Amino acid sequence: EATYLDLAAETLDHAAEVLNLPEADTEDLRAASTDLAEALVHVLRVA
């Protein structure tokens, strides 16, 4: 559970970096979205 919460925080930080890119690549946005969705599934189960 602690690992999932830590990874979710790291994933959120990374997604914010991707979203702040002036010209974010579609592939990077898709990967960030996929990672965020997976992290959210784990965090909701922990919650």
ModelCIF file with pLDDT and N, C-alpha, C, O atoms, coordinates in Angstrom:
data_MODEL
#
_entry.id   MODEL 
#
_entity.id                         1 
_entity.type                       polymer 
_entity.pdbx_number_of_molecules   1 
#
_entity_poly.entity_id                      1 
_entity_poly.type                           'polypeptide(L)' 
_entity_poly.nstd_linkage                   no 
_entity_poly.nstd_monomer                   no 
_entity_poly.pdbx_seq_one_letter_code       EATYLDLAAETLDHAAEVLNLPEADTEDLRAASTDLAEALVHVLRVA 
_entity_poly.pdbx_seq_one_letter_code_can   EATYLDLAAETLDHAAEVLNLPEADTEDLRAASTDLAEALVHVLRVA 
_entity_poly.pdbx_strand_id                 A 
#
loop_
_entity_poly_seq.entity_id 
_entity_poly_seq.num 
_entity_poly_seq.mon_id 
_entity_poly_seq.hetero 
1 1  GLU n 
1 2  ALA n 
1 3  THR n 
1 4  TYR n 
1 5  LEU n 
1 6  ASP n 
1 7  LEU n 
1 8  ALA n 
1 9  ALA n 
1 10 GLU n 
1 11 THR n 
1 12 LEU n 
1 13 ASP n 
1 14 HIS n 
1 15 ALA n 
1 16 ALA n 
1 17 GLU n 
1 18 VAL n 
1 19 LEU n 
1 20 ASN n 
1 21 LEU n 
1 22 PRO n 
1 23 GLU n 
1 24 ALA n 
1 25 ASP n 
1 26 THR n 
1 27 GLU n 
1 28 ASP n 
1 29 LEU n 
1 30 ARG n 
1 31 ALA n 
1 32 ALA n 
1 33 SER n 
1 34 THR n 
1 35 ASP n 
1 36 LEU n 
1 37 ALA n 
1 38 GLU n 
1 39 ALA n 
1 40 LEU n 
1 41 VAL n 
1 42 HIS n 
1 43 VAL n 
1 44 LEU n 
1 45 ARG n 
1 46 VAL n 
1 47 ALA n 
#
_struct_asym.id          A 
_struct_asym.entity_id   1 
#
loop_
_ma_qa_metric.id 
_ma_qa_metric.mode 
_ma_qa_metric.name 
_ma_qa_metric.software_group_id 
_ma_qa_metric.type 
1 global pLDDT . pLDDT 
2 local  pLDDT . pLDDT 
#
_ma_qa_metric_global.metric_id      1 
_ma_qa_metric_global.metric_value   95.43 
_ma_qa_metric_global.model_id       1 
_ma_qa_metric_global.ordinal_id     1 
#
loop_
_ma_qa_metric_local.label_asym_id 
_ma_qa_metric_local.label_comp_id 
_ma_qa_metric_local.label_seq_id 
_ma_qa_metric_local.metric_id 
_ma_qa_metric_local.metric_value 
_ma_qa_metric_local.model_id 
_ma_qa_metric_local.ordinal_id 
A GLU 1  2 96.00 1 1  
A ALA 2  2 96.00 1 2  
A THR 3  2 96.00 1 3  
A TYR 4  2 96.00 1 4  
A LEU 5  2 96.00 1 5  
A ASP 6  2 97.00 1 6  
A LEU 7  2 97.00 1 7  
A ALA 8  2 97.00 1 8  
A ALA 9  2 97.00 1 9  
A GLU 10 2 97.00 1 10 
A THR 11 2 97.00 1 11 
A LEU 12 2 97.00 1 12 
A ASP 13 2 97.00 1 13 
A HIS 14 2 96.00 1 14 
A ALA 15 2 96.00 1 15 
A ALA 16 2 96.00 1 16 
A GLU 17 2 95.00 1 17 
A VAL 18 2 95.00 1 18 
A LEU 19 2 94.00 1 19 
A ASN 20 2 94.00 1 20 
A LEU 21 2 93.00 1 21 
A PRO 22 2 92.00 1 22 
A GLU 23 2 91.00 1 23 
A ALA 24 2 90.00 1 24 
A ASP 25 2 92.00 1 25 
A THR 26 2 94.00 1 26 
A GLU 27 2 95.00 1 27 
A ASP 28 2 94.00 1 28 
A LEU 29 2 96.00 1 29 
A ARG 30 2 97.00 1 30 
A ALA 31 2 96.00 1 31 
A ALA 32 2 96.00 1 32 
A SER 33 2 97.00 1 33 
A THR 34 2 97.00 1 34 
A ASP 35 2 97.00 1 35 
A LEU 36 2 97.00 1 36 
A ALA 37 2 97.00 1 37 
A GLU 38 2 96.00 1 38 
A ALA 39 2 97.00 1 39 
A LEU 40 2 96.00 1 40 
A VAL 41 2 94.00 1 41 
A HIS 42 2 95.00 1 42 
A VAL 43 2 96.00 1 43 
A LEU 44 2 95.00 1 44 
A ARG 45 2 94.00 1 45 
A VAL 46 2 95.00 1 46 
A ALA 47 2 94.00 1 47 
#
loop_
_atom_site.group_PDB 
_atom_site.id 
_atom_site.type_symbol 
_atom_site.label_atom_id 
_atom_site.label_alt_id 
_atom_site.label_comp_id 
_atom_site.label_asym_id 
_atom_site.label_entity_id 
_atom_site.label_seq_id 
_atom_site.pdbx_PDB_ins_code 
_atom_site.Cartn_x 
_atom_site.Cartn_y 
_atom_site.Cartn_z 
_atom_site.occupancy 
_atom_site.B_iso_or_equiv 
_atom_site.pdbx_formal_charge 
_atom_site.auth_seq_id 
_atom_site.auth_comp_id 
_atom_site.auth_asym_id 
_atom_site.auth_atom_id 
_atom_site.pdbx_PDB_model_num 
ATOM 1   N N  . GLU A 1 1  ? 0.834   -1.201 0.000   1.00 96.00 ? 1  GLU A N  1 
ATOM 2   C CA . GLU A 1 1  ? 0.000   0.000  0.000   1.00 96.00 ? 1  GLU A CA 1 
ATOM 3   C C  . GLU A 1 1  ? 0.869   1.251  0.000   1.00 96.00 ? 1  GLU A C  1 
ATOM 4   O O  . GLU A 1 1  ? 0.625   2.179  -0.771  1.00 96.00 ? 1  GLU A O  1 
ATOM 5   N N  . ALA A 1 2  ? 1.878   1.278  0.860   1.00 96.00 ? 2  ALA A N  1 
ATOM 6   C CA . ALA A 1 2  ? 2.783   2.434  0.935   1.00 96.00 ? 2  ALA A CA 1 
ATOM 7   C C  . ALA A 1 2  ? 3.525   2.622  -0.390  1.00 96.00 ? 2  ALA A C  1 
ATOM 8   O O  . ALA A 1 2  ? 3.711   3.749  -0.849  1.00 96.00 ? 2  ALA A O  1 
ATOM 9   N N  . THR A 1 3  ? 3.941   1.522  -0.993  1.00 96.00 ? 3  THR A N  1 
ATOM 10  C CA . THR A 1 3  ? 4.634   1.586  -2.281  1.00 96.00 ? 3  THR A CA 1 
ATOM 11  C C  . THR A 1 3  ? 3.714   2.157  -3.356  1.00 96.00 ? 3  THR A C  1 
ATOM 12  O O  . THR A 1 3  ? 4.132   3.008  -4.140  1.00 96.00 ? 3  THR A O  1 
ATOM 13  N N  . TYR A 1 4  ? 2.466   1.695  -3.398  1.00 96.00 ? 4  TYR A N  1 
ATOM 14  C CA . TYR A 1 4  ? 1.509   2.203  -4.377  1.00 96.00 ? 4  TYR A CA 1 
ATOM 15  C C  . TYR A 1 4  ? 1.279   3.708  -4.200  1.00 96.00 ? 4  TYR A C  1 
ATOM 16  O O  . TYR A 1 4  ? 1.189   4.442  -5.184  1.00 96.00 ? 4  TYR A O  1 
ATOM 17  N N  . LEU A 1 5  ? 1.185   4.163  -2.953  1.00 96.00 ? 5  LEU A N  1 
ATOM 18  C CA . LEU A 1 5  ? 0.966   5.589  -2.709  1.00 96.00 ? 5  LEU A CA 1 
ATOM 19  C C  . LEU A 1 5  ? 2.184   6.412  -3.134  1.00 96.00 ? 5  LEU A C  1 
ATOM 20  O O  . LEU A 1 5  ? 2.035   7.486  -3.717  1.00 96.00 ? 5  LEU A O  1 
ATOM 21  N N  . ASP A 1 6  ? 3.375   5.915  -2.845  1.00 97.00 ? 6  ASP A N  1 
ATOM 22  C CA . ASP A 1 6  ? 4.601   6.606  -3.273  1.00 97.00 ? 6  ASP A CA 1 
ATOM 23  C C  . ASP A 1 6  ? 4.695   6.665  -4.793  1.00 97.00 ? 6  ASP A C  1 
ATOM 24  O O  . ASP A 1 6  ? 5.017   7.709  -5.361  1.00 97.00 ? 6  ASP A O  1 
ATOM 25  N N  . LEU A 1 7  ? 4.413   5.546  -5.445  1.00 97.00 ? 7  LEU A N  1 
ATOM 26  C CA . LEU A 1 7  ? 4.466   5.510  -6.915  1.00 97.00 ? 7  LEU A CA 1 
ATOM 27  C C  . LEU A 1 7  ? 3.417   6.434  -7.531  1.00 97.00 ? 7  LEU A C  1 
ATOM 28  O O  . LEU A 1 7  ? 3.669   7.051  -8.566  1.00 97.00 ? 7  LEU A O  1 
ATOM 29  N N  . ALA A 1 8  ? 2.265   6.531  -6.915  1.00 97.00 ? 8  ALA A N  1 
ATOM 30  C CA . ALA A 1 8  ? 1.226   7.430  -7.427  1.00 97.00 ? 8  ALA A CA 1 
ATOM 31  C C  . ALA A 1 8  ? 1.692   8.882  -7.350  1.00 97.00 ? 8  ALA A C  1 
ATOM 32  O O  . ALA A 1 8  ? 1.453   9.662  -8.271  1.00 97.00 ? 8  ALA A O  1 
ATOM 33  N N  . ALA A 1 9  ? 2.351   9.240  -6.263  1.00 97.00 ? 9  ALA A N  1 
ATOM 34  C CA . ALA A 1 9  ? 2.867   10.606 -6.132  1.00 97.00 ? 9  ALA A CA 1 
ATOM 35  C C  . ALA A 1 9  ? 3.929   10.886 -7.192  1.00 97.00 ? 9  ALA A C  1 
ATOM 36  O O  . ALA A 1 9  ? 3.947   11.960 -7.793  1.00 97.00 ? 9  ALA A O  1 
ATOM 37  N N  . GLU A 1 10 ? 4.811   9.919  -7.417  1.00 97.00 ? 10 GLU A N  1 
ATOM 38  C CA . GLU A 1 10 ? 5.840   10.078 -8.448  1.00 97.00 ? 10 GLU A CA 1 
ATOM 39  C C  . GLU A 1 10 ? 5.210   10.172 -9.840  1.00 97.00 ? 10 GLU A C  1 
ATOM 40  O O  . GLU A 1 10 ? 5.642   10.972 -10.670 1.00 97.00 ? 10 GLU A O  1 
ATOM 41  N N  . THR A 1 11 ? 4.195   9.357  -10.086 1.00 97.00 ? 11 THR A N  1 
ATOM 42  C CA . THR A 1 11 ? 3.504   9.371  -11.377 1.00 97.00 ? 11 THR A CA 1 
ATOM 43  C C  . THR A 1 11 ? 2.825   10.714 -11.604 1.00 97.00 ? 11 THR A C  1 
ATOM 44  O O  . THR A 1 11 ? 2.863   11.255 -12.708 1.00 97.00 ? 11 THR A O  1 
ATOM 45  N N  . LEU A 1 12 ? 2.207   11.248 -10.565 1.00 97.00 ? 12 LEU A N  1 
ATOM 46  C CA . LEU A 1 12 ? 1.556   12.549 -10.675 1.00 97.00 ? 12 LEU A CA 1 
ATOM 47  C C  . LEU A 1 12 ? 2.578   13.644 -10.979 1.00 97.00 ? 12 LEU A C  1 
ATOM 48  O O  . LEU A 1 12 ? 2.327   14.515 -11.812 1.00 97.00 ? 12 LEU A O  1 
ATOM 49  N N  . ASP A 1 13 ? 3.724   13.601 -10.309 1.00 97.00 ? 13 ASP A N  1 
ATOM 50  C CA . ASP A 1 13 ? 4.790   14.576 -10.580 1.00 97.00 ? 13 ASP A CA 1 
ATOM 51  C C  . ASP A 1 13 ? 5.251   14.487 -12.028 1.00 97.00 ? 13 ASP A C  1 
ATOM 52  O O  . ASP A 1 13 ? 5.424   15.507 -12.696 1.00 97.00 ? 13 ASP A O  1 
ATOM 53  N N  . HIS A 1 14 ? 5.448   13.271 -12.508 1.00 96.00 ? 14 HIS A N  1 
ATOM 54  C CA . HIS A 1 14 ? 5.899   13.083 -13.890 1.00 96.00 ? 14 HIS A CA 1 
ATOM 55  C C  . HIS A 1 14 ? 4.842   13.578 -14.883 1.00 96.00 ? 14 HIS A C  1 
ATOM 56  O O  . HIS A 1 14 ? 5.176   14.226 -15.875 1.00 96.00 ? 14 HIS A O  1 
ATOM 57  N N  . ALA A 1 15 ? 3.586   13.275 -14.618 1.00 96.00 ? 15 ALA A N  1 
ATOM 58  C CA . ALA A 1 15 ? 2.513   13.721 -15.507 1.00 96.00 ? 15 ALA A CA 1 
ATOM 59  C C  . ALA A 1 15 ? 2.456   15.247 -15.554 1.00 96.00 ? 15 ALA A C  1 
ATOM 60  O O  . ALA A 1 15 ? 2.239   15.829 -16.616 1.00 96.00 ? 15 ALA A O  1 
ATOM 61  N N  . ALA A 1 16 ? 2.651   15.892 -14.407 1.00 96.00 ? 16 ALA A N  1 
ATOM 62  C CA . ALA A 1 16 ? 2.657   17.358 -14.375 1.00 96.00 ? 16 ALA A CA 1 
ATOM 63  C C  . ALA A 1 16 ? 3.792   17.907 -15.235 1.00 96.00 ? 16 ALA A C  1 
ATOM 64  O O  . ALA A 1 16 ? 3.620   18.910 -15.928 1.00 96.00 ? 16 ALA A O  1 
ATOM 65  N N  . GLU A 1 17 ? 4.950   17.253 -15.192 1.00 95.00 ? 17 GLU A N  1 
ATOM 66  C CA . GLU A 1 17 ? 6.078   17.675 -16.027 1.00 95.00 ? 17 GLU A CA 1 
ATOM 67  C C  . GLU A 1 17 ? 5.723   17.549 -17.509 1.00 95.00 ? 17 GLU A C  1 
ATOM 68  O O  . GLU A 1 17 ? 5.996   18.457 -18.294 1.00 95.00 ? 17 GLU A O  1 
ATOM 69  N N  . VAL A 1 18 ? 5.117   16.430 -17.888 1.00 95.00 ? 18 VAL A N  1 
ATOM 70  C CA . VAL A 1 18 ? 4.726   16.215 -19.286 1.00 95.00 ? 18 VAL A CA 1 
ATOM 71  C C  . VAL A 1 18 ? 3.707   17.268 -19.713 1.00 95.00 ? 18 VAL A C  1 
ATOM 72  O O  . VAL A 1 18 ? 3.809   17.823 -20.807 1.00 95.00 ? 18 VAL A O  1 
ATOM 73  N N  . LEU A 1 19 ? 2.731   17.543 -18.858 1.00 94.00 ? 19 LEU A N  1 
ATOM 74  C CA . LEU A 1 19 ? 1.692   18.520 -19.196 1.00 94.00 ? 19 LEU A CA 1 
ATOM 75  C C  . LEU A 1 19 ? 2.240   19.937 -19.300 1.00 94.00 ? 19 LEU A C  1 
ATOM 76  O O  . LEU A 1 19 ? 1.666   20.774 -19.997 1.00 94.00 ? 19 LEU A O  1 
ATOM 77  N N  . ASN A 1 20 ? 3.338   20.210 -18.620 1.00 94.00 ? 20 ASN A N  1 
ATOM 78  C CA . ASN A 1 20 ? 3.939   21.544 -18.660 1.00 94.00 ? 20 ASN A CA 1 
ATOM 79  C C  . ASN A 1 20 ? 4.886   21.741 -19.843 1.00 94.00 ? 20 ASN A C  1 
ATOM 80  O O  . ASN A 1 20 ? 5.395   22.841 -20.057 1.00 94.00 ? 20 ASN A O  1 
ATOM 81  N N  . LEU A 1 21 ? 5.119   20.681 -20.604 1.00 93.00 ? 21 LEU A N  1 
ATOM 82  C CA . LEU A 1 21 ? 5.962   20.834 -21.792 1.00 93.00 ? 21 LEU A CA 1 
ATOM 83  C C  . LEU A 1 21 ? 5.246   21.732 -22.799 1.00 93.00 ? 21 LEU A C  1 
ATOM 84  O O  . LEU A 1 21 ? 4.039   21.591 -22.998 1.00 93.00 ? 21 LEU A O  1 
ATOM 85  N N  . PRO A 1 22 ? 5.976   22.657 -23.442 1.00 92.00 ? 22 PRO A N  1 
ATOM 86  C CA . PRO A 1 22 ? 5.335   23.553 -24.410 1.00 92.00 ? 22 PRO A CA 1 
ATOM 87  C C  . PRO A 1 22 ? 4.649   22.788 -25.550 1.00 92.00 ? 22 PRO A C  1 
ATOM 88  O O  . PRO A 1 22 ? 3.560   23.160 -25.987 1.00 92.00 ? 22 PRO A O  1 
ATOM 89  N N  . GLU A 1 23 ? 5.277   21.751 -26.011 1.00 91.00 ? 23 GLU A N  1 
ATOM 90  C CA . GLU A 1 23 ? 4.694   20.938 -27.087 1.00 91.00 ? 23 GLU A CA 1 
ATOM 91  C C  . GLU A 1 23 ? 4.780   19.468 -26.691 1.00 91.00 ? 23 GLU A C  1 
ATOM 92  O O  . GLU A 1 23 ? 5.645   18.728 -27.158 1.00 91.00 ? 23 GLU A O  1 
ATOM 93  N N  . ALA A 1 24 ? 3.866   19.068 -25.822 1.00 90.00 ? 24 ALA A N  1 
ATOM 94  C CA . ALA A 1 24 ? 3.874   17.685 -25.348 1.00 90.00 ? 24 ALA A CA 1 
ATOM 95  C C  . ALA A 1 24 ? 3.538   16.742 -26.497 1.00 90.00 ? 24 ALA A C  1 
ATOM 96  O O  . ALA A 1 24 ? 2.583   16.961 -27.242 1.00 90.00 ? 24 ALA A O  1 
ATOM 97  N N  . ASP A 1 25 ? 4.327   15.709 -26.625 1.00 92.00 ? 25 ASP A N  1 
ATOM 98  C CA . ASP A 1 25 ? 4.149   14.692 -27.656 1.00 92.00 ? 25 ASP A CA 1 
ATOM 99  C C  . ASP A 1 25 ? 2.920   13.842 -27.324 1.00 92.00 ? 25 ASP A C  1 
ATOM 100 O O  . ASP A 1 25 ? 2.689   13.523 -26.158 1.00 92.00 ? 25 ASP A O  1 
ATOM 101 N N  . THR A 1 26 ? 2.146   13.481 -28.320 1.00 94.00 ? 26 THR A N  1 
ATOM 102 C CA . THR A 1 26 ? 0.945   12.660 -28.120 1.00 94.00 ? 26 THR A CA 1 
ATOM 103 C C  . THR A 1 26 ? 1.281   11.346 -27.441 1.00 94.00 ? 26 THR A C  1 
ATOM 104 O O  . THR A 1 26 ? 0.540   10.883 -26.573 1.00 94.00 ? 26 THR A O  1 
ATOM 105 N N  . GLU A 1 27 ? 2.381   10.751 -27.827 1.00 95.00 ? 27 GLU A N  1 
ATOM 106 C CA . GLU A 1 27 ? 2.800   9.479  -27.231 1.00 95.00 ? 27 GLU A CA 1 
ATOM 107 C C  . GLU A 1 27 ? 3.110   9.650  -25.743 1.00 95.00 ? 27 GLU A C  1 
ATOM 108 O O  . GLU A 1 27 ? 2.752   8.797  -24.931 1.00 95.00 ? 27 GLU A O  1 
ATOM 109 N N  . ASP A 1 28 ? 3.779   10.756 -25.384 1.00 94.00 ? 28 ASP A N  1 
ATOM 110 C CA . ASP A 1 28 ? 4.087   11.022 -23.977 1.00 94.00 ? 28 ASP A CA 1 
ATOM 111 C C  . ASP A 1 28 ? 2.810   11.282 -23.178 1.00 94.00 ? 28 ASP A C  1 
ATOM 112 O O  . ASP A 1 28 ? 2.678   10.818 -22.045 1.00 94.00 ? 28 ASP A O  1 
ATOM 113 N N  . LEU A 1 29 ? 1.880   12.015 -23.763 1.00 96.00 ? 29 LEU A N  1 
ATOM 114 C CA . LEU A 1 29 ? 0.605   12.278 -23.085 1.00 96.00 ? 29 LEU A CA 1 
ATOM 115 C C  . LEU A 1 29 ? -0.181  10.992 -22.861 1.00 96.00 ? 29 LEU A C  1 
ATOM 116 O O  . LEU A 1 29 ? -0.772  10.795 -21.800 1.00 96.00 ? 29 LEU A O  1 
ATOM 117 N N  . ARG A 1 30 ? -0.186  10.124 -23.860 1.00 97.00 ? 30 ARG A N  1 
ATOM 118 C CA . ARG A 1 30 ? -0.889  8.843  -23.730 1.00 97.00 ? 30 ARG A CA 1 
ATOM 119 C C  . ARG A 1 30 ? -0.235  7.985  -22.635 1.00 97.00 ? 30 ARG A C  1 
ATOM 120 O O  . ARG A 1 30 ? -0.933  7.375  -21.825 1.00 97.00 ? 30 ARG A O  1 
ATOM 121 N N  . ALA A 1 31 ? 1.082   7.942  -22.615 1.00 96.00 ? 31 ALA A N  1 
ATOM 122 C CA . ALA A 1 31 ? 1.790   7.156  -21.603 1.00 96.00 ? 31 ALA A CA 1 
ATOM 123 C C  . ALA A 1 31 ? 1.525   7.708  -20.204 1.00 96.00 ? 31 ALA A C  1 
ATOM 124 O O  . ALA A 1 31 ? 1.298   6.945  -19.265 1.00 96.00 ? 31 ALA A O  1 
ATOM 125 N N  . ALA A 1 32 ? 1.553   9.031  -20.067 1.00 96.00 ? 32 ALA A N  1 
ATOM 126 C CA . ALA A 1 32 ? 1.280   9.646  -18.769 1.00 96.00 ? 32 ALA A CA 1 
ATOM 127 C C  . ALA A 1 32 ? -0.150  9.346  -18.318 1.00 96.00 ? 32 ALA A C  1 
ATOM 128 O O  . ALA A 1 32 ? -0.388  9.054  -17.146 1.00 96.00 ? 32 ALA A O  1 
ATOM 129 N N  . SER A 1 33 ? -1.098  9.419  -19.254 1.00 97.00 ? 33 SER A N  1 
ATOM 130 C CA . SER A 1 33 ? -2.497  9.120  -18.925 1.00 97.00 ? 33 SER A CA 1 
ATOM 131 C C  . SER A 1 33 ? -2.670  7.673  -18.491 1.00 97.00 ? 33 SER A C  1 
ATOM 132 O O  . SER A 1 33 ? -3.388  7.389  -17.532 1.00 97.00 ? 33 SER A O  1 
ATOM 133 N N  . THR A 1 34 ? -2.021  6.774  -19.186 1.00 97.00 ? 34 THR A N  1 
ATOM 134 C CA . THR A 1 34 ? -2.093  5.350  -18.848 1.00 97.00 ? 34 THR A CA 1 
ATOM 135 C C  . THR A 1 34 ? -1.502  5.102  -17.460 1.00 97.00 ? 34 THR A C  1 
ATOM 136 O O  . THR A 1 34 ? -2.078  4.374  -16.652 1.00 97.00 ? 34 THR A O  1 
ATOM 137 N N  . ASP A 1 35 ? -0.350  5.714  -17.193 1.00 97.00 ? 35 ASP A N  1 
ATOM 138 C CA . ASP A 1 35 ? 0.289   5.559  -15.883 1.00 97.00 ? 35 ASP A CA 1 
ATOM 139 C C  . ASP A 1 35 ? -0.576  6.134  -14.769 1.00 97.00 ? 35 ASP A C  1 
ATOM 140 O O  . ASP A 1 35 ? -0.688  5.544  -13.695 1.00 97.00 ? 35 ASP A O  1 
ATOM 141 N N  . LEU A 1 36 ? -1.192  7.295  -15.029 1.00 97.00 ? 36 LEU A N  1 
ATOM 142 C CA . LEU A 1 36 ? -2.075  7.906  -14.031 1.00 97.00 ? 36 LEU A CA 1 
ATOM 143 C C  . LEU A 1 36 ? -3.294  7.026  -13.744 1.00 97.00 ? 36 LEU A C  1 
ATOM 144 O O  . LEU A 1 36 ? -3.697  6.872  -12.591 1.00 97.00 ? 36 LEU A O  1 
ATOM 145 N N  . ALA A 1 37 ? -3.871  6.456  -14.791 1.00 97.00 ? 37 ALA A N  1 
ATOM 146 C CA . ALA A 1 37 ? -5.038  5.585  -14.607 1.00 97.00 ? 37 ALA A CA 1 
ATOM 147 C C  . ALA A 1 37 ? -4.674  4.362  -13.767 1.00 97.00 ? 37 ALA A C  1 
ATOM 148 O O  . ALA A 1 37 ? -5.427  3.971  -12.874 1.00 97.00 ? 37 ALA A O  1 
ATOM 149 N N  . GLU A 1 38 ? -3.528  3.764  -14.051 1.00 96.00 ? 38 GLU A N  1 
ATOM 150 C CA . GLU A 1 38 ? -3.083  2.598  -13.280 1.00 96.00 ? 38 GLU A CA 1 
ATOM 151 C C  . GLU A 1 38 ? -2.838  2.976  -11.824 1.00 96.00 ? 38 GLU A C  1 
ATOM 152 O O  . GLU A 1 38 ? -3.231  2.245  -10.914 1.00 96.00 ? 38 GLU A O  1 
ATOM 153 N N  . ALA A 1 39 ? -2.185  4.120  -11.602 1.00 97.00 ? 39 ALA A N  1 
ATOM 154 C CA . ALA A 1 39 ? -1.916  4.576  -10.240 1.00 97.00 ? 39 ALA A CA 1 
ATOM 155 C C  . ALA A 1 39 ? -3.218  4.840  -9.495  1.00 97.00 ? 39 ALA A C  1 
ATOM 156 O O  . ALA A 1 39 ? -3.334  4.528  -8.309  1.00 97.00 ? 39 ALA A O  1 
ATOM 157 N N  . LEU A 1 40 ? -4.198  5.414  -10.189 1.00 96.00 ? 40 LEU A N  1 
ATOM 158 C CA . LEU A 1 40 ? -5.479  5.715  -9.560  1.00 96.00 ? 40 LEU A CA 1 
ATOM 159 C C  . LEU A 1 40 ? -6.202  4.439  -9.131  1.00 96.00 ? 40 LEU A C  1 
ATOM 160 O O  . LEU A 1 40 ? -6.808  4.406  -8.060  1.00 96.00 ? 40 LEU A O  1 
ATOM 161 N N  . VAL A 1 41 ? -6.147  3.410  -9.937  1.00 94.00 ? 41 VAL A N  1 
ATOM 162 C CA . VAL A 1 41 ? -6.750  2.127  -9.570  1.00 94.00 ? 41 VAL A CA 1 
ATOM 163 C C  . VAL A 1 41 ? -6.153  1.617  -8.256  1.00 94.00 ? 41 VAL A C  1 
ATOM 164 O O  . VAL A 1 41 ? -6.879  1.186  -7.361  1.00 94.00 ? 41 VAL A O  1 
ATOM 165 N N  . HIS A 1 42 ? -4.821  1.672  -8.153  1.00 95.00 ? 42 HIS A N  1 
ATOM 166 C CA . HIS A 1 42 ? -4.151  1.194  -6.935  1.00 95.00 ? 42 HIS A CA 1 
ATOM 167 C C  . HIS A 1 42 ? -4.508  2.065  -5.728  1.00 95.00 ? 42 HIS A C  1 
ATOM 168 O O  . HIS A 1 42 ? -4.791  1.542  -4.650  1.00 95.00 ? 42 HIS A O  1 
ATOM 169 N N  . VAL A 1 43 ? -4.497  3.383  -5.905  1.00 96.00 ? 43 VAL A N  1 
ATOM 170 C CA . VAL A 1 43 ? -4.784  4.294  -4.798  1.00 96.00 ? 43 VAL A CA 1 
ATOM 171 C C  . VAL A 1 43 ? -6.226  4.140  -4.322  1.00 96.00 ? 43 VAL A C  1 
ATOM 172 O O  . VAL A 1 43 ? -6.488  4.186  -3.121  1.00 96.00 ? 43 VAL A O  1 
ATOM 173 N N  . LEU A 1 44 ? -7.155  3.958  -5.246  1.00 95.00 ? 44 LEU A N  1 
ATOM 174 C CA . LEU A 1 44 ? -8.548  3.761  -4.842  1.00 95.00 ? 44 LEU A CA 1 
ATOM 175 C C  . LEU A 1 44 ? -8.724  2.471  -4.052  1.00 95.00 ? 44 LEU A C  1 
ATOM 176 O O  . LEU A 1 44 ? -9.505  2.424  -3.102  1.00 95.00 ? 44 LEU A O  1 
ATOM 177 N N  . ARG A 1 45 ? -7.999  1.424  -4.441  1.00 94.00 ? 45 ARG A N  1 
ATOM 178 C CA . ARG A 1 45 ? -8.081  0.156  -3.700  1.00 94.00 ? 45 ARG A CA 1 
ATOM 179 C C  . ARG A 1 45 ? -7.508  0.341  -2.289  1.00 94.00 ? 45 ARG A C  1 
ATOM 180 O O  . ARG A 1 45 ? -8.067  -0.169 -1.318  1.00 94.00 ? 45 ARG A O  1 
ATOM 181 N N  . VAL A 1 46 ? -6.397  1.067  -2.182  1.00 95.00 ? 46 VAL A N  1 
ATOM 182 C CA . VAL A 1 46 ? -5.799  1.341  -0.870  1.00 95.00 ? 46 VAL A CA 1 
ATOM 183 C C  . VAL A 1 46 ? -6.780  2.152  -0.028  1.00 95.00 ? 46 VAL A C  1 
ATOM 184 O O  . VAL A 1 46 ? -6.988  1.845  1.146   1.00 95.00 ? 46 VAL A O  1 
ATOM 185 N N  . ALA A 1 47 ? -7.380  3.179  -0.615  1.00 94.00 ? 47 ALA A N  1 
ATOM 186 C CA . ALA A 1 47 ? -8.329  4.016  0.119   1.00 94.00 ? 47 ALA A CA 1 
ATOM 187 C C  . ALA A 1 47 ? -9.536  3.200  0.590   1.00 94.00 ? 47 ALA A C  1 
ATOM 188 O O  . ALA A 1 47 ? -10.438 3.745  1.226   1.00 94.00 ? 47 ALA A O  1 
#
